[in-house]
Amino acid sequence: MIDPQLLRDQPDLVRESQERRGDPVSHVDEALTAEAARRAAITEFERLRAEQNAHGKLVGQAAKEDRPALIEQGKALAAGVKEAQARVTEAEAAFDTAVSRLGNLVHPDVPAGEEANFVTLATHGEERSFDFEPRDHVELGESLKAFDIARGAKVAGSRFYYLTGIGMRLELALMLLGLDQVLADGFTPLTTPTLVRPEIMRGTGFLGEHADEVYHLPADDLYLTGTSEVALAGFHADEIIDVEEPKRYAGWSTCYRREAGSAGRDTRGILRVHQFNKLEMFSYVRPDEAEAEHDRMRALQERMLQACELDYRVIDVAAGDLGSSAARKFDIEAWIPSQQQYRELTSTSNCTTFQSRRLGTRYRTESGKTAPVATLNGTAATTRWLVAILETHQQADGSVRVPAALQPYLGGLSVIEPVETAAVGA
């Protein structure tokens, strides 16, 4: 949720942000109207309550014969206060609905426009090509017996899969490499819940325009998380925390996404699926340290992709492609040889105080007052990376070279051979 004070004091700044996102600017005026109604309702409630309190003192001081009439007046005042309180509740709910339509204030350096209007910030490696006809990750995965898509669909439906044999081991190796990287960078590892309450899911901004992508269990009123960012954001909900030193966590979890609205897109293989594993970084910092923390997360992600010897580019995501919680987001996209294009492997978002304001996560300022902390998130490793690793390191004979950084997690294995020609125990 954006700062109501900012909304009141600088509505044009919020309007500009909405316009850059491509979201209705009219939502700003609707939120301002709702905010004015909320404040008016609160003022009236407080006036009536003060009148009721003053009247209560009169009753205590009144002569015996005057008390019955005063008590009746007090009952009328009490009824008025109750009605005013109900109007406050109604006005607050209306404001909450209106303000939830506003995305986070977009960082001034974010490019305006839709998805295609991103700006490339950096590149690494080259757009790899081969002197043989490259296989895509599905062909490679099947010949290496790394995953079984047909049986995944048989058991759970489309966009589900089994990681098998070396595929399961390769994913685990990737996750363990990521874990070692985040540990070295000061993150505390957590295994997080994958089911969360509505207020936590809502507080992180995932029940807005993308609510149809989230799995909901109505019988329990719980949501399956599409990223451990949700559980990590809720970890310190309704707390005052010490961020003199940033609090950094890394959540390891299975993630679930309905992928609503993506019918027909990336249906082949394991690029866009309903279930996957992910190691997610999450930081709580002072708001003035958020941009530096954002760069820090991006640097760790680049180290991970370089360790996996992948070719990639870093993009500054355009305002129209930002999620509602993000003020700025960097995506890192790896080159996928079979598709001859870059595809997103990881992202990192600076959510400023947008999430913590609704979740009630605060820190104590130098003046002794409390204020919302800034939150940031970024992926350290996830199942999707297998697509780029298999395709980038494939060889003419159908084998796949294992990046040196992953080999220690695979017992020193340097080459993954097709099963038909693999050595025993490979």
Protein backbone atom coordinates (compact mmCIF):
# COMPACT_ATOMS: atom_id res chain seq x y z
CA MET A 1 0.00 0.00 0.00
CA ILE A 2 1.31 3.44 -0.87
CA ASP A 3 1.73 6.05 1.85
CA PRO A 4 -1.64 7.83 2.40
CA GLN A 5 0.28 10.98 3.36
CA LEU A 6 2.06 10.90 -0.01
CA LEU A 7 -1.27 10.40 -1.74
CA ARG A 8 -2.70 13.50 0.00
CA ASP A 9 0.34 15.72 -0.31
CA GLN A 10 1.63 14.76 -3.79
CA PRO A 11 -1.26 13.31 -5.79
CA ASP A 12 0.31 14.42 -9.07
CA LEU A 13 3.34 12.25 -8.31
CA VAL A 14 1.03 9.27 -7.85
CA ARG A 15 -0.87 10.15 -11.03
CA GLU A 16 2.39 10.25 -12.98
CA SER A 17 3.38 6.85 -11.58
CA GLN A 18 0.01 5.37 -12.56
CA GLU A 19 0.34 6.81 -16.05
CA ARG A 20 3.83 5.34 -16.47
CA ARG A 21 2.50 1.95 -15.40
CA GLY A 22 -0.31 2.22 -17.91
CA ASP A 23 -2.84 1.98 -15.07
CA PRO A 24 -5.96 4.19 -14.80
CA VAL A 25 -5.06 7.62 -13.44
CA SER A 26 -8.69 7.93 -12.31
CA HIS A 27 -7.88 5.47 -9.51
CA VAL A 28 -5.88 8.24 -7.83
CA ASP A 29 -8.89 10.55 -7.65
CA GLU A 30 -11.07 7.70 -6.44
CA ALA A 31 -8.56 6.97 -3.66
CA LEU A 32 -8.38 10.67 -2.73
CA THR A 33 -12.17 10.85 -2.51
CA ALA A 34 -12.26 7.72 -0.38
CA GLU A 35 -9.49 9.08 1.85
CA ALA A 36 -11.34 12.35 2.36
CA ALA A 37 -14.51 10.44 3.26
CA ARG A 38 -12.56 8.25 5.67
CA ARG A 39 -10.99 11.23 7.43
CA ALA A 40 -14.35 13.00 7.64
CA ALA A 41 -15.96 9.89 9.13
CA ILE A 42 -13.18 9.62 11.72
CA THR A 43 -13.50 13.32 12.62
CA GLU A 44 -17.25 13.00 13.11
CA PHE A 45 -16.84 9.84 15.18
CA GLU A 46 -14.27 11.52 17.42
CA ARG A 47 -16.51 14.59 17.83
CA LEU A 48 -19.46 12.47 18.88
CA ARG A 49 -17.38 10.35 21.21
CA ALA A 50 -15.98 13.48 22.90
CA GLU A 51 -19.53 14.77 23.28
CA GLN A 52 -20.55 11.42 24.78
CA ASN A 53 -17.65 11.49 27.25
CA ALA A 54 -18.47 15.06 28.31
CA HIS A 55 -22.12 14.12 28.75
CA GLY A 56 -21.11 11.14 30.93
CA LYS A 57 -19.38 13.53 33.32
CA LEU A 58 -22.53 15.67 33.49
CA VAL A 59 -24.57 12.62 34.51
CA GLY A 60 -22.20 11.94 37.36
CA GLN A 61 -22.42 15.53 38.58
CA ALA A 62 -26.18 16.04 38.05
CA ALA A 63 -28.81 16.16 40.73
CA LYS A 64 -30.77 12.97 41.28
CA GLU A 65 -33.95 14.34 39.73
CA ASP A 66 -32.09 15.44 36.54
CA ARG A 67 -30.35 12.12 35.91
CA PRO A 68 -33.15 10.17 34.16
CA ALA A 69 -33.39 12.74 31.37
CA LEU A 70 -29.62 12.95 31.05
CA ILE A 71 -29.35 9.15 30.90
CA GLU A 72 -31.86 9.07 28.04
CA GLN A 73 -29.82 11.71 26.24
CA GLY A 74 -26.73 9.59 26.88
CA LYS A 75 -28.41 6.60 25.26
CA ALA A 76 -29.14 8.68 22.17
CA LEU A 77 -25.52 9.86 22.08
CA ALA A 78 -24.28 6.28 22.46
CA ALA A 79 -26.42 5.21 19.51
CA GLY A 80 -25.01 8.08 17.47
CA VAL A 81 -21.45 7.08 18.35
CA LYS A 82 -22.17 3.48 17.37
CA GLU A 83 -23.57 4.60 14.02
CA ALA A 84 -20.57 6.89 13.46
CA GLN A 85 -18.19 4.03 14.25
CA ALA A 86 -19.97 1.87 11.67
CA ARG A 87 -19.55 4.66 9.12
CA VAL A 88 -15.81 4.79 9.93
CA THR A 89 -15.53 1.04 9.38
CA GLU A 90 -17.37 1.35 6.08
CA ALA A 91 -15.26 4.33 4.97
CA GLU A 92 -12.02 2.59 5.91
CA ALA A 93 -13.03 -0.49 3.90
CA ALA A 94 -13.87 1.73 0.91
CA PHE A 95 -10.51 3.50 1.19
CA ASP A 96 -8.69 0.18 1.51
CA THR A 97 -10.35 -1.03 -1.70
CA ALA A 98 -9.58 2.21 -3.53
CA VAL A 99 -5.95 2.50 -2.44
CA SER A 100 -5.28 -1.17 -3.23
CA ARG A 101 -5.83 -0.33 -6.90
CA LEU A 102 -2.74 1.89 -6.83
CA GLY A 103 0.62 0.32 -7.55
CA ASN A 104 3.80 1.27 -5.78
CA LEU A 105 5.34 4.58 -6.77
CA VAL A 106 7.57 3.82 -9.75
CA HIS A 107 11.27 4.65 -9.35
CA PRO A 108 12.18 7.68 -11.51
CA ASP A 109 14.82 5.72 -13.47
CA VAL A 110 12.38 3.00 -14.57
CA PRO A 111 11.59 3.18 -18.31
CA ALA A 112 7.99 4.04 -19.12
CA GLY A 113 5.88 1.82 -21.34
CA GLU A 114 4.96 -1.82 -21.73
CA GLU A 115 7.00 -5.04 -21.60
CA ALA A 116 8.93 -4.32 -24.81
CA ASN A 117 10.13 -0.94 -23.51
CA PHE A 118 12.73 -2.38 -21.11
CA VAL A 119 16.28 -1.02 -21.06
CA THR A 120 19.28 -3.36 -21.22
CA LEU A 121 21.67 -2.53 -18.37
CA ALA A 122 24.37 -5.15 -18.95
CA THR A 123 25.23 -8.25 -20.97
CA HIS A 124 27.51 -11.19 -20.24
CA GLY A 125 28.85 -13.74 -22.69
CA GLU A 126 27.48 -14.07 -26.19
CA GLU A 127 24.41 -15.39 -27.93
CA ARG A 128 25.80 -18.90 -28.16
CA SER A 129 25.57 -20.85 -31.39
CA PHE A 130 26.76 -24.33 -32.37
CA ASP A 131 28.32 -26.00 -35.40
CA PHE A 132 25.66 -28.69 -35.13
CA GLU A 133 21.86 -28.65 -34.95
CA PRO A 134 21.14 -27.91 -31.28
CA ARG A 135 18.49 -29.84 -29.39
CA ASP A 136 16.00 -28.08 -27.16
CA HIS A 137 15.83 -28.87 -23.45
CA VAL A 138 12.97 -31.33 -23.93
CA GLU A 139 14.92 -33.49 -26.38
CA LEU A 140 17.99 -33.30 -24.16
CA GLY A 141 16.05 -34.01 -20.99
CA GLU A 142 14.38 -37.05 -22.48
CA SER A 143 17.59 -38.53 -23.90
CA LEU A 144 19.39 -37.93 -20.59
CA LYS A 145 16.39 -39.28 -18.65
CA ALA A 146 16.44 -36.00 -16.69
CA PHE A 147 12.69 -35.55 -16.60
CA ASP A 148 9.46 -37.25 -17.58
CA ILE A 149 6.82 -34.86 -18.85
CA ALA A 150 4.38 -37.45 -20.15
CA ARG A 151 4.02 -39.16 -16.78
CA GLY A 152 3.77 -35.79 -15.04
CA ALA A 153 0.79 -34.95 -17.23
CA LYS A 154 -0.71 -38.40 -16.64
CA VAL A 155 -0.56 -37.98 -12.88
CA ALA A 156 -1.27 -34.25 -12.41
CA GLY A 157 -2.24 -32.74 -15.77
CA SER A 158 -0.52 -30.37 -18.16
CA ARG A 159 2.46 -28.29 -17.01
CA PHE A 160 3.46 -30.86 -14.40
CA TYR A 161 6.50 -33.13 -14.69
CA TYR A 162 8.82 -35.49 -12.88
CA LEU A 163 12.50 -34.65 -12.48
CA THR A 164 14.19 -38.00 -12.72
CA GLY A 165 17.72 -39.31 -12.12
CA ILE A 166 20.26 -36.74 -13.15
CA GLY A 167 17.54 -34.10 -13.57
CA MET A 168 16.62 -34.29 -9.91
CA ARG A 169 20.29 -34.29 -8.93
CA LEU A 170 21.08 -31.34 -11.20
CA GLU A 171 18.28 -29.25 -9.70
CA LEU A 172 19.49 -30.10 -6.20
CA ALA A 173 23.07 -29.22 -7.17
CA LEU A 174 21.87 -25.85 -8.46
CA MET A 175 19.91 -25.15 -5.29
CA LEU A 176 22.85 -26.14 -3.07
CA LEU A 177 25.18 -23.89 -5.06
CA GLY A 178 22.69 -21.07 -4.55
CA LEU A 179 22.46 -21.85 -0.84
CA ASP A 180 26.24 -21.64 -0.46
CA GLN A 181 26.24 -18.33 -2.33
CA VAL A 182 23.56 -16.72 -0.14
CA LEU A 183 25.17 -18.04 3.05
CA ALA A 184 28.45 -16.43 2.02
CA ASP A 185 26.53 -13.20 1.44
CA GLY A 186 25.02 -13.11 4.93
CA PHE A 187 21.55 -14.52 4.34
CA THR A 188 19.86 -16.72 6.95
CA PRO A 189 18.32 -19.80 5.31
CA LEU A 190 14.70 -20.72 6.03
CA THR A 191 12.38 -23.49 4.95
CA THR A 192 9.13 -21.56 4.59
CA PRO A 193 5.42 -22.45 4.70
CA THR A 194 3.88 -22.84 1.25
CA LEU A 195 0.37 -22.15 2.55
CA VAL A 196 -0.39 -18.68 3.92
CA ARG A 197 -3.34 -16.72 5.24
CA PRO A 198 -5.21 -14.21 3.04
CA GLU A 199 -3.87 -11.18 4.93
CA ILE A 200 -0.28 -12.24 4.22
CA MET A 201 -0.95 -12.92 0.54
CA ARG A 202 -2.82 -9.63 0.26
CA GLY A 203 -0.13 -7.72 2.12
CA THR A 204 2.52 -8.73 -0.39
CA GLY A 205 0.36 -7.60 -3.32
CA PHE A 206 -0.46 -10.98 -4.85
CA LEU A 207 -4.26 -10.74 -4.53
CA GLY A 208 -4.57 -7.80 -6.88
CA GLU A 209 -4.65 -8.02 -10.66
CA HIS A 210 -2.83 -11.39 -10.62
CA ALA A 211 -5.09 -13.10 -8.09
CA ASP A 212 -6.26 -15.55 -10.75
CA GLU A 213 -2.73 -16.97 -10.92
CA VAL A 214 -2.81 -18.04 -7.26
CA TYR A 215 -4.10 -21.39 -6.00
CA HIS A 216 -6.71 -20.98 -3.26
CA LEU A 217 -7.96 -23.64 -0.82
CA PRO A 218 -11.46 -22.36 0.06
CA ALA A 219 -12.13 -24.98 2.76
CA ASP A 220 -9.20 -23.63 4.79
CA ASP A 221 -9.06 -20.11 3.34
CA LEU A 222 -5.36 -20.54 2.66
CA TYR A 223 -3.30 -19.75 -0.43
CA LEU A 224 -0.49 -21.75 -2.02
CA THR A 225 2.48 -19.45 -2.53
CA GLY A 226 4.01 -18.86 -5.94
CA THR A 227 7.23 -17.73 -4.26
CA SER A 228 8.60 -17.87 -0.73
CA GLU A 229 8.71 -14.06 -0.94
CA VAL A 230 5.18 -14.19 0.48
CA ALA A 231 6.07 -16.20 3.58
CA LEU A 232 9.29 -14.22 4.05
CA ALA A 233 7.40 -10.92 3.88
CA GLY A 234 5.03 -12.25 6.53
CA PHE A 235 7.84 -13.44 8.81
CA HIS A 236 8.04 -10.08 10.62
CA ALA A 237 4.43 -8.94 10.09
CA ASP A 238 3.13 -6.70 12.89
CA GLU A 239 6.60 -6.39 14.42
CA ILE A 240 9.03 -3.58 15.15
CA ILE A 241 12.41 -4.89 14.01
CA ASP A 242 15.99 -3.71 14.26
CA VAL A 243 17.40 -2.94 10.80
CA GLU A 244 20.55 -1.16 11.91
CA GLU A 245 22.03 -4.07 10.00
CA PRO A 246 19.79 -5.37 7.18
CA LYS A 247 17.87 -8.54 7.93
CA ARG A 248 18.51 -10.97 5.08
CA TYR A 249 16.73 -14.29 4.62
CA ALA A 250 16.76 -16.96 1.93
CA GLY A 251 13.65 -19.12 1.66
CA TRP A 252 13.79 -22.59 0.11
CA SER A 253 10.37 -23.83 -0.96
CA THR A 254 8.23 -25.48 -3.57
CA CYS A 255 6.20 -22.88 -5.47
CA TYR A 256 2.81 -23.13 -7.18
CA ARG A 257 1.36 -21.00 -9.96
CA ARG A 258 -1.87 -21.47 -11.88
CA GLU A 259 -0.38 -19.68 -14.92
CA ALA A 260 -3.84 -18.32 -15.71
CA GLY A 261 -3.92 -16.37 -18.94
CA SER A 262 -0.87 -18.15 -20.37
CA ALA A 263 -2.76 -20.77 -22.40
CA GLY A 264 -0.65 -21.87 -25.35
CA ARG A 265 2.51 -20.13 -24.09
CA ASP A 266 5.62 -22.20 -23.36
CA THR A 267 3.64 -25.41 -23.04
CA ARG A 268 6.61 -27.49 -24.20
CA GLY A 269 8.98 -28.61 -21.48
CA ILE A 270 9.59 -27.13 -18.04
CA LEU A 271 9.90 -23.42 -18.76
CA ARG A 272 6.43 -22.39 -17.59
CA VAL A 273 4.98 -24.89 -15.14
CA HIS A 274 2.58 -25.10 -12.21
CA GLN A 275 5.07 -26.40 -9.64
CA PHE A 276 8.79 -25.80 -9.17
CA ASN A 277 11.44 -25.28 -6.52
CA LYS A 278 13.06 -21.95 -5.74
CA LEU A 279 15.58 -20.36 -3.42
CA GLU A 280 14.40 -16.79 -2.81
CA MET A 281 16.32 -13.94 -1.20
CA PHE A 282 14.45 -11.41 0.93
CA SER A 283 15.80 -8.35 2.73
CA TYR A 284 14.41 -5.91 5.29
CA VAL A 285 16.34 -2.63 5.23
CA ARG A 286 16.04 1.05 6.08
CA PRO A 287 14.29 2.84 3.19
CA ASP A 288 17.40 4.92 2.42
CA GLU A 289 19.41 1.70 1.95
CA ALA A 290 16.97 -0.02 -0.42
CA GLU A 291 18.65 0.93 -3.71
CA ALA A 292 22.06 -0.29 -2.52
CA GLU A 293 20.47 -3.56 -1.37
CA HIS A 294 18.81 -3.93 -4.75
CA ASP A 295 22.18 -3.67 -6.50
CA ARG A 296 23.63 -6.14 -4.01
CA MET A 297 20.99 -8.74 -4.84
CA ARG A 298 21.47 -8.26 -8.55
CA ALA A 299 25.24 -8.75 -8.15
CA LEU A 300 24.69 -12.06 -6.35
CA GLN A 301 22.34 -13.23 -9.09
CA GLU A 302 24.90 -12.37 -11.74
CA ARG A 303 27.55 -14.34 -9.85
CA MET A 304 25.20 -17.33 -9.84
CA LEU A 305 24.57 -17.18 -13.59
CA GLN A 306 28.28 -16.76 -14.25
CA ALA A 307 28.99 -19.78 -12.04
CA CYS A 308 26.58 -21.73 -14.24
CA GLU A 309 28.49 -20.39 -17.28
CA LEU A 310 25.38 -18.92 -18.90
CA ASP A 311 25.08 -16.08 -21.39
CA TYR A 312 22.67 -13.41 -20.19
CA ARG A 313 21.50 -9.83 -20.17
CA VAL A 314 20.22 -7.67 -17.31
CA ILE A 315 17.20 -5.52 -18.06
CA ASP A 316 15.50 -2.66 -16.25
CA VAL A 317 11.86 -3.76 -16.49
CA ALA A 318 9.47 -1.17 -17.95
CA ALA A 319 6.88 0.41 -15.67
CA GLY A 320 3.98 -1.27 -17.45
CA ASP A 321 5.48 -4.70 -16.76
CA LEU A 322 6.07 -4.18 -13.03
CA GLY A 323 4.03 -6.01 -10.44
CA SER A 324 1.98 -3.72 -8.21
CA SER A 325 4.43 -4.04 -5.27
CA ALA A 326 7.63 -3.25 -7.15
CA ALA A 327 9.01 0.27 -7.52
CA ARG A 328 11.78 -1.14 -9.72
CA LYS A 329 12.69 -4.60 -10.99
CA PHE A 330 15.75 -6.02 -12.67
CA ASP A 331 15.29 -9.21 -14.72
CA ILE A 332 18.19 -11.38 -15.74
CA GLU A 333 17.47 -13.29 -18.93
CA ALA A 334 19.58 -16.17 -20.21
CA TRP A 335 20.13 -16.92 -23.87
CA ILE A 336 18.17 -20.04 -24.90
CA PRO A 337 19.83 -21.44 -28.04
CA SER A 338 16.85 -23.46 -29.32
CA GLN A 339 14.59 -20.39 -29.16
CA GLN A 340 17.22 -17.90 -30.31
CA GLN A 341 16.08 -15.46 -27.66
CA TYR A 342 16.64 -14.39 -24.07
CA ARG A 343 14.28 -15.77 -21.44
CA GLU A 344 13.89 -14.66 -17.84
CA LEU A 345 15.66 -16.83 -15.28
CA THR A 346 15.61 -14.54 -12.30
CA SER A 347 14.43 -11.15 -11.12
CA THR A 348 14.96 -8.86 -8.15
CA SER A 349 12.49 -6.22 -7.01
CA ASN A 350 12.73 -3.18 -4.77
CA CYS A 351 9.31 -2.92 -3.11
CA THR A 352 10.28 0.08 -0.93
CA THR A 353 7.72 0.35 1.91
CA PHE A 354 4.75 -0.87 -0.13
CA GLN A 355 4.50 -4.36 1.41
CA SER A 356 5.60 -3.53 4.94
CA ARG A 357 3.07 -0.72 5.30
CA ARG A 358 0.13 -3.12 4.98
CA LEU A 359 1.88 -5.93 6.86
CA GLY A 360 2.79 -3.65 9.76
CA THR A 361 6.55 -4.30 9.67
CA ARG A 362 8.30 -1.27 11.14
CA TYR A 363 11.60 -0.05 12.51
CA ARG A 364 12.36 2.63 15.05
CA THR A 365 13.77 5.84 13.58
CA GLU A 366 16.40 8.04 15.21
CA SER A 367 13.60 10.23 16.59
CA GLY A 368 12.14 7.22 18.38
CA LYS A 369 9.08 7.00 16.14
CA THR A 370 8.24 3.92 14.09
CA ALA A 371 8.12 3.81 10.29
CA PRO A 372 7.68 1.09 7.64
CA VAL A 373 10.83 -0.75 6.58
CA ALA A 374 11.77 -1.35 2.94
CA THR A 375 11.55 -4.89 1.55
CA LEU A 376 13.34 -6.42 -1.42
CA ASN A 377 13.29 -9.85 -3.03
CA GLY A 378 15.28 -11.75 -5.60
CA THR A 379 15.65 -15.30 -6.89
CA ALA A 380 18.93 -17.08 -6.19
CA ALA A 381 18.12 -20.35 -7.99
CA THR A 382 15.09 -22.10 -9.45
CA THR A 383 14.09 -25.13 -11.53
CA ARG A 384 13.75 -23.08 -14.73
CA TRP A 385 17.52 -22.66 -14.84
CA LEU A 386 17.81 -26.29 -15.99
CA VAL A 387 16.46 -25.20 -19.37
CA ALA A 388 19.36 -22.81 -19.97
CA ILE A 389 21.99 -25.11 -18.42
CA LEU A 390 21.05 -28.10 -20.58
CA GLU A 391 20.79 -26.13 -23.82
CA THR A 392 23.86 -23.94 -23.32
CA HIS A 393 26.21 -26.78 -22.41
CA GLN A 394 25.01 -29.42 -24.88
CA GLN A 395 27.53 -31.14 -27.13
CA ALA A 396 27.26 -32.64 -30.61
CA ASP A 397 26.94 -36.21 -29.33
CA GLY A 398 23.91 -35.35 -27.20
CA SER A 399 25.82 -35.15 -23.94
CA VAL A 400 25.80 -32.09 -21.69
CA ARG A 401 28.85 -30.59 -20.04
CA VAL A 402 28.41 -29.82 -16.33
CA PRO A 403 29.58 -26.32 -15.33
CA ALA A 404 32.63 -26.56 -13.04
CA ALA A 405 30.82 -24.85 -10.14
CA LEU A 406 28.13 -27.55 -10.11
CA GLN A 407 30.44 -30.55 -10.38
CA PRO A 408 31.28 -30.81 -6.63
CA TYR A 409 27.55 -31.16 -5.89
CA LEU A 410 27.32 -34.05 -8.38
CA GLY A 411 30.19 -36.13 -7.06
CA GLY A 412 32.63 -34.65 -9.57
CA LEU A 413 30.50 -35.53 -12.62
CA SER A 414 31.74 -33.43 -15.55
CA VAL A 415 29.61 -34.71 -18.43
CA ILE A 416 26.05 -36.03 -18.48
CA GLU A 417 25.74 -38.72 -21.11
CA PRO A 418 22.57 -39.91 -22.86
CA VAL A 419 21.29 -42.89 -20.93
CA GLU A 420 21.87 -45.28 -23.84
CA THR A 421 25.64 -44.62 -23.69
CA ALA A 422 26.04 -43.57 -20.07
CA ALA A 423 28.58 -45.33 -17.90
CA VAL A 424 27.23 -47.25 -14.92
CA GLY A 425 26.76 -44.93 -11.90
CA ALA A 426 27.06 -41.73 -13.97
